[in-house]
C-alpha atoms as a PDB file:
ATOM      1  CA  UNK A   1       9.838 -38.234 -16.222  1.00  0.00           C
ATOM      2  CA  UNK A   2      13.895 -38.568 -16.236  1.00  0.00           C
ATOM      3  CA  UNK A   3      15.516 -35.992 -18.759  1.00  0.00           C
ATOM      4  CA  UNK A   4      19.022 -35.118 -19.970  1.00  0.00           C
ATOM      5  CA  UNK A   5      20.227 -31.752 -18.710  1.00  0.00           C
ATOM      6  CA  UNK A   6      23.345 -29.852 -18.687  1.00  0.00           C
ATOM      7  CA  UNK A   7      23.973 -31.258 -15.166  1.00  0.00           C
ATOM      8  CA  UNK A   8      23.394 -34.714 -16.056  1.00  0.00           C
ATOM      9  CA  UNK A   9      20.003 -36.546 -15.343  1.00  0.00           C
ATOM     10  CA  UNK A  10      17.229 -34.515 -14.114  1.00  0.00           C
ATOM     11  CA  UNK A  11      13.622 -34.785 -12.895  1.00  0.00           C
ATOM     12  CA  UNK A  12      11.137 -33.094 -15.064  1.00  0.00           C
ATOM     13  CA  UNK A  13       7.411 -32.348 -15.025  1.00  0.00           C
ATOM     14  CA  UNK A  14       5.279 -32.375 -18.301  1.00  0.00           C
ATOM     15  CA  UNK A  15       3.441 -29.232 -18.659  1.00  0.00           C
ATOM     16  CA  UNK A  16       2.238 -29.215 -22.162  1.00  0.00           C
ATOM     17  CA  UNK A  17       0.682 -32.318 -24.094  1.00  0.00           C
ATOM     18  CA  UNK A  18       2.815 -33.929 -26.704  1.00  0.00           C
ATOM     19  CA  UNK A  19       2.292 -32.573 -30.241  1.00  0.00           C
ATOM     20  CA  UNK A  20       3.478 -33.843 -33.755  1.00  0.00           C
ATOM     21  CA  UNK A  21       6.497 -31.964 -35.145  1.00  0.00           C
ATOM     22  CA  UNK A  22       7.594 -31.678 -38.783  1.00  0.00           C
ATOM     23  CA  UNK A  23      10.776 -32.880 -40.185  1.00  0.00           C
ATOM     24  CA  UNK A  24      11.959 -29.173 -39.603  1.00  0.00           C
ATOM     25  CA  UNK A  25      14.824 -28.894 -37.094  1.00  0.00           C
ATOM     26  CA  UNK A  26      13.634 -27.180 -33.903  1.00  0.00           C
ATOM     27  CA  UNK A  27      14.796 -23.572 -32.904  1.00  0.00           C
ATOM     28  CA  UNK A  28      16.646 -25.044 -29.995  1.00  0.00           C
ATOM     29  CA  UNK A  29      18.075 -28.488 -29.657  1.00  0.00           C
ATOM     30  CA  UNK A  30      15.970 -31.054 -27.824  1.00  0.00           C
ATOM     31  CA  UNK A  31      17.190 -32.935 -24.761  1.00  0.00           C
ATOM     32  CA  UNK A  32      16.652 -36.724 -24.329  1.00  0.00           C
ATOM     33  CA  UNK A  33      13.953 -38.236 -22.639  1.00  0.00           C
ATOM     34  CA  UNK A  34      15.112 -41.388 -21.185  1.00  0.00           C
ATOM     35  CA  UNK A  35      12.151 -42.756 -19.322  1.00  0.00           C
ATOM     36  CA  UNK A  36       9.180 -42.067 -17.193  1.00  0.00           C
ATOM     37  CA  UNK A  37       9.639 -41.619 -13.541  1.00  0.00           C
ATOM     38  CA  UNK A  38       9.395 -44.460 -10.930  1.00  0.00           C
ATOM     39  CA  UNK A  39       8.397 -44.549  -7.539  1.00  0.00           C
ATOM     40  CA  UNK A  40      12.206 -44.742  -6.648  1.00  0.00           C
ATOM     41  CA  UNK A  41      12.854 -41.556  -8.700  1.00  0.00           C
ATOM     42  CA  UNK A  42      10.050 -39.694  -6.791  1.00  0.00           C
ATOM     43  CA  UNK A  43      11.865 -40.952  -3.575  1.00  0.00           C
ATOM     44  CA  UNK A  44      15.121 -39.692  -4.712  1.00  0.00           C
ATOM     45  CA  UNK A  45      13.463 -36.218  -5.565  1.00  0.00           C
ATOM     46  CA  UNK A  46      12.191 -35.914  -1.948  1.00  0.00           C
ATOM     47  CA  UNK A  47      15.693 -36.524  -0.832  1.00  0.00           C
ATOM     48  CA  UNK A  48      17.368 -33.986  -2.735  1.00  0.00           C
ATOM     49  CA  UNK A  49      14.940 -31.588  -1.362  1.00  0.00           C
ATOM     50  CA  UNK A  50      15.628 -32.629   2.124  1.00  0.00           C
ATOM     51  CA  UNK A  51      19.590 -32.033   1.091  1.00  0.00           C
ATOM     52  CA  UNK A  52      19.051 -28.855  -0.404  1.00  0.00           C
ATOM     53  CA  UNK A  53      17.386 -27.308   2.766  1.00  0.00           C
ATOM     54  CA  UNK A  54      20.049 -28.904   5.339  1.00  0.00           C
ATOM     55  CA  UNK A  55      22.768 -27.805   2.784  1.00  0.00           C
ATOM     56  CA  UNK A  56      21.329 -24.244   2.650  1.00  0.00           C
ATOM     57  CA  UNK A  57      20.954 -24.224   6.449  1.00  0.00           C
ATOM     58  CA  UNK A  58      24.561 -25.536   6.999  1.00  0.00           C
ATOM     59  CA  UNK A  59      26.024 -23.031   4.598  1.00  0.00           C
ATOM     60  CA  UNK A  60      24.055 -20.209   6.265  1.00  0.00           C
ATOM     61  CA  UNK A  61      25.545 -20.865   9.505  1.00  0.00           C
ATOM     62  CA  UNK A  62      29.216 -21.017   7.843  1.00  0.00           C
ATOM     63  CA  UNK A  63      28.851 -17.902   6.298  1.00  0.00           C
ATOM     64  CA  UNK A  64      28.096 -16.224   9.623  1.00  0.00           C
ATOM     65  CA  UNK A  65      30.881 -17.940  11.239  1.00  0.00           C
ATOM     66  CA  UNK A  66      33.098 -16.845   8.569  1.00  0.00           C
ATOM     67  CA  UNK A  67      31.834 -13.291   8.709  1.00  0.00           C
ATOM     68  CA  UNK A  68      31.383 -13.367   4.877  1.00  0.00           C
ATOM     69  CA  UNK A  69      29.398 -10.688   3.166  1.00  0.00           C
ATOM     70  CA  UNK A  70      26.948 -12.787   1.027  1.00  0.00           C
ATOM     71  CA  UNK A  71      23.315 -13.370   0.577  1.00  0.00           C
ATOM     72  CA  UNK A  72      22.463 -16.980   0.030  1.00  0.00           C
ATOM     73  CA  UNK A  73      19.113 -17.423  -1.283  1.00  0.00           C
ATOM     74  CA  UNK A  74      18.723 -20.813  -2.890  1.00  0.00           C
ATOM     75  CA  UNK A  75      20.642 -24.420  -3.000  1.00  0.00           C
ATOM     76  CA  UNK A  76      20.204 -26.957  -5.953  1.00  0.00           C
ATOM     77  CA  UNK A  77      21.223 -30.242  -6.024  1.00  0.00           C
ATOM     78  CA  UNK A  78      21.974 -32.530  -9.143  1.00  0.00           C
ATOM     79  CA  UNK A  79      19.661 -35.630  -9.327  1.00  0.00           C
ATOM     80  CA  UNK A  80      22.348 -37.987  -8.307  1.00  0.00           C
ATOM     81  CA  UNK A  81      23.274 -35.672  -5.545  1.00  0.00           C
ATOM     82  CA  UNK A  82      27.028 -35.373  -6.931  1.00  0.00           C
ATOM     83  CA  UNK A  83      26.974 -31.737  -7.143  1.00  0.00           C
ATOM     84  CA  UNK A  84      25.320 -28.924  -5.178  1.00  0.00           C
ATOM     85  CA  UNK A  85      25.057 -25.229  -6.391  1.00  0.00           C
ATOM     86  CA  UNK A  86      25.053 -22.371  -4.165  1.00  0.00           C
ATOM     87  CA  UNK A  87      23.313 -19.231  -5.512  1.00  0.00           C
ATOM     88  CA  UNK A  88      23.998 -16.075  -3.707  1.00  0.00           C
ATOM     89  CA  UNK A  89      24.308 -12.075  -4.088  1.00  0.00           C
ATOM     90  CA  UNK A  90      26.888  -9.925  -3.069  1.00  0.00           C
ATOM     91  CA  UNK A  91      28.149  -6.240  -3.268  1.00  0.00           C
ATOM     92  CA  UNK A  92      31.229  -7.216  -4.824  1.00  0.00           C
ATOM     93  CA  UNK A  93      33.728 -10.265  -5.258  1.00  0.00           C
ATOM     94  CA  UNK A  94      33.762 -12.892  -2.120  1.00  0.00           C
ATOM     95  CA  UNK A  95      36.680 -15.141  -1.302  1.00  0.00           C
ATOM     96  CA  UNK A  96      34.669 -18.081  -0.370  1.00  0.00           C
ATOM     97  CA  UNK A  97      37.329 -20.799  -0.784  1.00  0.00           C
ATOM     98  CA  UNK A  98      37.371 -21.494   2.969  1.00  0.00           C
ATOM     99  CA  UNK A  99      33.525 -21.988   2.850  1.00  0.00           C
ATOM    100  CA  UNK A 100      33.799 -24.197  -0.109  1.00  0.00           C
ATOM    101  CA  UNK A 101      36.477 -26.557   1.935  1.00  0.00           C
ATOM    102  CA  UNK A 102      34.183 -26.417   4.736  1.00  0.00           C
ATOM    103  CA  UNK A 103      30.952 -27.250   2.687  1.00  0.00           C
ATOM    104  CA  UNK A 104      32.922 -30.295   0.971  1.00  0.00           C
ATOM    105  CA  UNK A 105      34.035 -31.716   4.027  1.00  0.00           C
ATOM    106  CA  UNK A 106      30.513 -31.583   5.498  1.00  0.00           C
ATOM    107  CA  UNK A 107      28.399 -32.672   2.242  1.00  0.00           C
ATOM    108  CA  UNK A 108      30.789 -35.043   0.336  1.00  0.00           C
ATOM    109  CA  UNK A 109      29.826 -33.469  -2.927  1.00  0.00           C
ATOM    110  CA  UNK A 110      31.262 -31.036  -5.558  1.00  0.00           C
ATOM    111  CA  UNK A 111      30.522 -27.403  -4.613  1.00  0.00           C
ATOM    112  CA  UNK A 112      29.846 -24.726  -6.852  1.00  0.00           C
ATOM    113  CA  UNK A 113      29.231 -21.167  -5.630  1.00  0.00           C
ATOM    114  CA  UNK A 114      27.480 -19.117  -8.277  1.00  0.00           C
ATOM    115  CA  UNK A 115      27.148 -15.251  -7.706  1.00  0.00           C
ATOM    116  CA  UNK A 116      24.133 -13.698  -9.652  1.00  0.00           C
ATOM    117  CA  UNK A 117      22.840 -10.580 -10.035  1.00  0.00           C
ATOM    118  CA  UNK A 118      19.827  -9.278  -8.154  1.00  0.00           C
ATOM    119  CA  UNK A 119      17.458  -9.780 -11.124  1.00  0.00           C
ATOM    120  CA  UNK A 120      18.243 -13.178 -11.495  1.00  0.00           C
ATOM    121  CA  UNK A 121      17.734 -13.678  -7.853  1.00  0.00           C
ATOM    122  CA  UNK A 122      14.179 -12.487  -8.373  1.00  0.00           C
ATOM    123  CA  UNK A 123      13.624 -14.636 -11.326  1.00  0.00           C
ATOM    124  CA  UNK A 124      14.888 -17.825  -9.339  1.00  0.00           C
ATOM    125  CA  UNK A 125      12.896 -17.039  -6.271  1.00  0.00           C
ATOM    126  CA  UNK A 126       9.614 -15.936  -8.035  1.00  0.00           C
ATOM    127  CA  UNK A 127       6.938 -13.920  -6.649  1.00  0.00           C
ATOM    128  CA  UNK A 128       4.130 -11.511  -7.416  1.00  0.00           C
ATOM    129  CA  UNK A 129       4.556  -8.141  -8.749  1.00  0.00           C
ATOM    130  CA  UNK A 130       2.520  -4.882  -8.237  1.00  0.00           C
ATOM    131  CA  UNK A 131       0.001  -5.962 -11.181  1.00  0.00           C
ATOM    132  CA  UNK A 132      -1.023  -9.059  -9.061  1.00  0.00           C
ATOM    133  CA  UNK A 133       0.531 -11.467 -11.566  1.00  0.00           C
ATOM    134  CA  UNK A 134       3.289 -13.765 -11.306  1.00  0.00           C
ATOM    135  CA  UNK A 135       6.799 -12.008 -12.011  1.00  0.00           C
ATOM    136  CA  UNK A 136       7.377 -11.842 -15.755  1.00  0.00           C
ATOM    137  CA  UNK A 137      11.103 -13.089 -15.415  1.00  0.00           C
ATOM    138  CA  UNK A 138      10.182 -16.046 -13.672  1.00  0.00           C
ATOM    139  CA  UNK A 139       7.176 -16.986 -15.885  1.00  0.00           C
ATOM    140  CA  UNK A 140       8.478 -16.560 -19.507  1.00  0.00           C
ATOM    141  CA  UNK A 141      11.494 -14.144 -19.694  1.00  0.00           C
ATOM    142  CA  UNK A 142      14.479 -16.273 -20.761  1.00  0.00           C
ATOM    143  CA  UNK A 143      16.835 -12.980 -20.792  1.00  0.00           C
ATOM    144  CA  UNK A 144      16.881  -9.451 -19.348  1.00  0.00           C
ATOM    145  CA  UNK A 145      16.965  -6.568 -21.583  1.00  0.00           C
ATOM    146  CA  UNK A 146      18.227  -3.032 -20.421  1.00  0.00           C
ATOM    147  CA  UNK A 147      15.583  -0.827 -18.884  1.00  0.00           C
ATOM    148  CA  UNK A 148      15.962   2.877 -18.488  1.00  0.00           C
ATOM    149  CA  UNK A 149      14.060   5.816 -16.847  1.00  0.00           C
ATOM    150  CA  UNK A 150      13.478   7.361 -20.189  1.00  0.00           C
ATOM    151  CA  UNK A 151      11.221   4.276 -21.026  1.00  0.00           C
ATOM    152  CA  UNK A 152       9.064   5.314 -18.064  1.00  0.00           C
ATOM    153  CA  UNK A 153       8.948   8.973 -19.158  1.00  0.00           C
ATOM    154  CA  UNK A 154       8.013   8.260 -22.775  1.00  0.00           C
ATOM    155  CA  UNK A 155       4.923   6.386 -21.481  1.00  0.00           C
ATOM    156  CA  UNK A 156       3.814   9.059 -19.032  1.00  0.00           C
ATOM    157  CA  UNK A 157       4.491   6.755 -16.068  1.00  0.00           C
ATOM    158  CA  UNK A 158       5.181   8.200 -12.387  1.00  0.00           C
ATOM    159  CA  UNK A 159       8.889   8.639 -11.973  1.00  0.00           C
ATOM    160  CA  UNK A 160       8.540   7.683  -8.036  1.00  0.00           C
ATOM    161  CA  UNK A 161      10.829   4.716  -7.876  1.00  0.00           C
ATOM    162  CA  UNK A 162       8.541   2.774  -5.524  1.00  0.00           C
ATOM    163  CA  UNK A 163       6.052   2.568  -8.180  1.00  0.00           C
ATOM    164  CA  UNK A 164       8.244   1.785 -11.186  1.00  0.00           C
ATOM    165  CA  UNK A 165      10.466  -0.756  -9.305  1.00  0.00           C
ATOM    166  CA  UNK A 166      10.058  -4.586  -9.332  1.00  0.00           C
ATOM    167  CA  UNK A 167      10.658  -7.076  -6.467  1.00  0.00           C
ATOM    168  CA  UNK A 168      14.282  -6.982  -7.198  1.00  0.00           C
ATOM    169  CA  UNK A 169      14.439  -3.335  -6.425  1.00  0.00           C
ATOM    170  CA  UNK A 170      15.459  -2.402 -10.243  1.00  0.00           C
ATOM    171  CA  UNK A 171      13.369  -0.907 -13.003  1.00  0.00           C
ATOM    172  CA  UNK A 172      10.427  -3.274 -13.901  1.00  0.00           C
ATOM    173  CA  UNK A 173      11.098  -5.198 -16.918  1.00  0.00           C
ATOM    174  CA  UNK A 174       7.613  -4.636 -18.275  1.00  0.00           C
ATOM    175  CA  UNK A 175       8.561  -0.913 -18.962  1.00  0.00           C
ATOM    176  CA  UNK A 176      10.280  -2.445 -22.087  1.00  0.00           C
ATOM    177  CA  UNK A 177       7.346  -4.170 -23.500  1.00  0.00           C
ATOM    178  CA  UNK A 178       5.282  -1.311 -24.789  1.00  0.00           C
ATOM    179  CA  UNK A 179       8.137   1.321 -25.205  1.00  0.00           C
ATOM    180  CA  UNK A 180       8.626   0.950 -29.068  1.00  0.00           C
ATOM    181  CA  UNK A 181       4.762   0.983 -29.511  1.00  0.00           C
ATOM    182  CA  UNK A 182       4.836   4.372 -27.517  1.00  0.00           C
ATOM    183  CA  UNK A 183       7.693   6.016 -29.469  1.00  0.00           C
ATOM    184  CA  UNK A 184       6.077   4.878 -32.709  1.00  0.00           C
ATOM    185  CA  UNK A 185       2.636   6.201 -31.817  1.00  0.00           C
ATOM    186  CA  UNK A 186       4.207   9.809 -30.366  1.00  0.00           C
ATOM    187  CA  UNK A 187       5.875  10.581 -33.850  1.00  0.00           C
ATOM    188  CA  UNK A 188       2.459  11.756 -35.072  1.00  0.00           C
ATOM    189  CA  UNK A 189       1.894  13.929 -31.765  1.00  0.00           C
ATOM    190  CA  UNK A 190       2.593  17.785 -31.861  1.00  0.00           C
ATOM    191  CA  UNK A 191       5.256  18.161 -29.014  1.00  0.00           C
ATOM    192  CA  UNK A 192       4.458  19.582 -25.435  1.00  0.00           C
ATOM    193  CA  UNK A 193       4.459  23.256 -25.444  1.00  0.00           C
ATOM    194  CA  UNK A 194       3.738  23.235 -29.510  1.00  0.00           C
ATOM    195  CA  UNK A 195       1.163  26.025 -30.555  1.00  0.00           C
ATOM    196  CA  UNK A 196      -1.461  24.428 -32.315  1.00  0.00           C
ATOM    197  CA  UNK A 197      -4.847  25.552 -34.013  1.00  0.00           C
ATOM    198  CA  UNK A 198      -8.265  23.875 -33.385  1.00  0.00           C
ATOM    199  CA  UNK A 199     -11.761  25.030 -33.990  1.00  0.00           C
ATOM    200  CA  UNK A 200     -11.912  26.530 -30.406  1.00  0.00           C
ATOM    201  CA  UNK A 201      -8.949  28.864 -31.494  1.00  0.00           C
ATOM    202  CA  UNK A 202      -5.111  28.670 -30.869  1.00  0.00           C
ATOM    203  CA  UNK A 203      -3.602  27.303 -27.797  1.00  0.00           C
ATOM    204  CA  UNK A 204      -0.512  25.306 -26.509  1.00  0.00           C
ATOM    205  CA  UNK A 205      -0.294  21.579 -25.972  1.00  0.00           C
ATOM    206  CA  UNK A 206       0.254  21.080 -22.319  1.00  0.00           C
ATOM    207  CA  UNK A 207      -0.174  16.960 -22.101  1.00  0.00           C
ATOM    208  CA  UNK A 208      -0.246  14.151 -24.477  1.00  0.00           C
ATOM    209  CA  UNK A 209      -2.497  10.895 -24.383  1.00  0.00           C
ATOM    210  CA  UNK A 210      -0.874   8.589 -26.546  1.00  0.00           C
ATOM    211  CA  UNK A 211      -3.193   5.743 -26.063  1.00  0.00           C
ATOM    212  CA  UNK A 212      -6.466   7.731 -26.314  1.00  0.00           C
ATOM    213  CA  UNK A 213      -4.908   9.527 -29.397  1.00  0.00           C
ATOM    214  CA  UNK A 214      -5.557  12.978 -27.789  1.00  0.00           C
ATOM    215  CA  UNK A 215      -3.556  16.094 -26.563  1.00  0.00           C
ATOM    216  CA  UNK A 216      -4.420  18.726 -23.867  1.00  0.00           C
ATOM    217  CA  UNK A 217      -4.648  21.957 -25.236  1.00  0.00           C
ATOM    218  CA  UNK A 218      -4.421  25.155 -23.131  1.00  0.00           C
ATOM    219  CA  UNK A 219      -6.104  28.139 -25.142  1.00  0.00           C
ATOM    220  CA  UNK A 220      -5.582  31.637 -24.865  1.00  0.00           C
ATOM    221  CA  UNK A 221      -8.182  32.321 -22.383  1.00  0.00           C
ATOM    222  CA  UNK A 222      -6.723  29.711 -19.790  1.00  0.00           C
ATOM    223  CA  UNK A 223      -8.960  26.843 -20.258  1.00  0.00           C
ATOM    224  CA  UNK A 224      -7.754  23.364 -20.949  1.00  0.00           C
ATOM    225  CA  UNK A 225      -9.600  21.089 -23.322  1.00  0.00           C
ATOM    226  CA  UNK A 226      -8.437  17.420 -24.490  1.00  0.00           C
ATOM    227  CA  UNK A 227      -8.838  17.228 -28.364  1.00  0.00           C
ATOM    228  CA  UNK A 228      -8.008  14.382 -30.692  1.00  0.00           C
ATOM    229  CA  UNK A 229      -5.036  14.823 -32.780  1.00  0.00           C
ATOM    230  CA  UNK A 230      -7.216  14.458 -35.784  1.00  0.00           C
ATOM    231  CA  UNK A 231      -9.320  17.716 -34.912  1.00  0.00           C
ATOM    232  CA  UNK A 232      -6.136  19.977 -34.776  1.00  0.00           C
ATOM    233  CA  UNK A 233      -6.753  21.901 -38.332  1.00  0.00           C
ATOM    234  CA  UNK A 234      -3.249  23.532 -38.398  1.00  0.00           C
ATOM    235  CA  UNK A 235       0.147  23.564 -36.152  1.00  0.00           C
ATOM    236  CA  UNK A 236       1.995  26.684 -35.928  1.00  0.00           C
ATOM    237  CA  UNK A 237       5.172  27.556 -34.169  1.00  0.00           C
END
């Protein structure tokens, strides 16, 4: 169907069945739906796709000729083809004024060059993560929260960058999903190195199993045993 967007009219696809809503105002303002898509609209959509492909190829050639250090990865056309937006990543600021002049002359439309971060590129391009599922950022995430190596440490994950980095090369966004839960659960655990007393005797905590609600204790005879934290009768210094 044809709907209202920030860039003017756009072609949309219904993915959820209509539902009845109460009079309460929605959390976000709802855009207007103009009409069901016609055969002409589908033909226009196909033309837009071809335009985006040809504009991408032309822009790539122009970037190489001008020697610009930028990575073009997507082109989007408004439904009426009045404006083309070129998305790219780059290490720093790029002077693309000459490139814009070339594109306007060749394509005859308004041109916008939009530099985005590497995480935004992954969100727009999509893909499959190491978990085997569609990338969270392209599936449901609307904004990027800060991710730190501390989150991986708190969850007992490998600190190997290749294992905790996403398609974008940054730390995986999913490290934030359970971080607060791990922090809350870990508060009731004896710290690693803490001397504790159990039925078997006295020993030191060497590992924590937060999910299993257990800790690994090394006793004075050198044997390690995993024990539930509720089985620790006393914690010493």
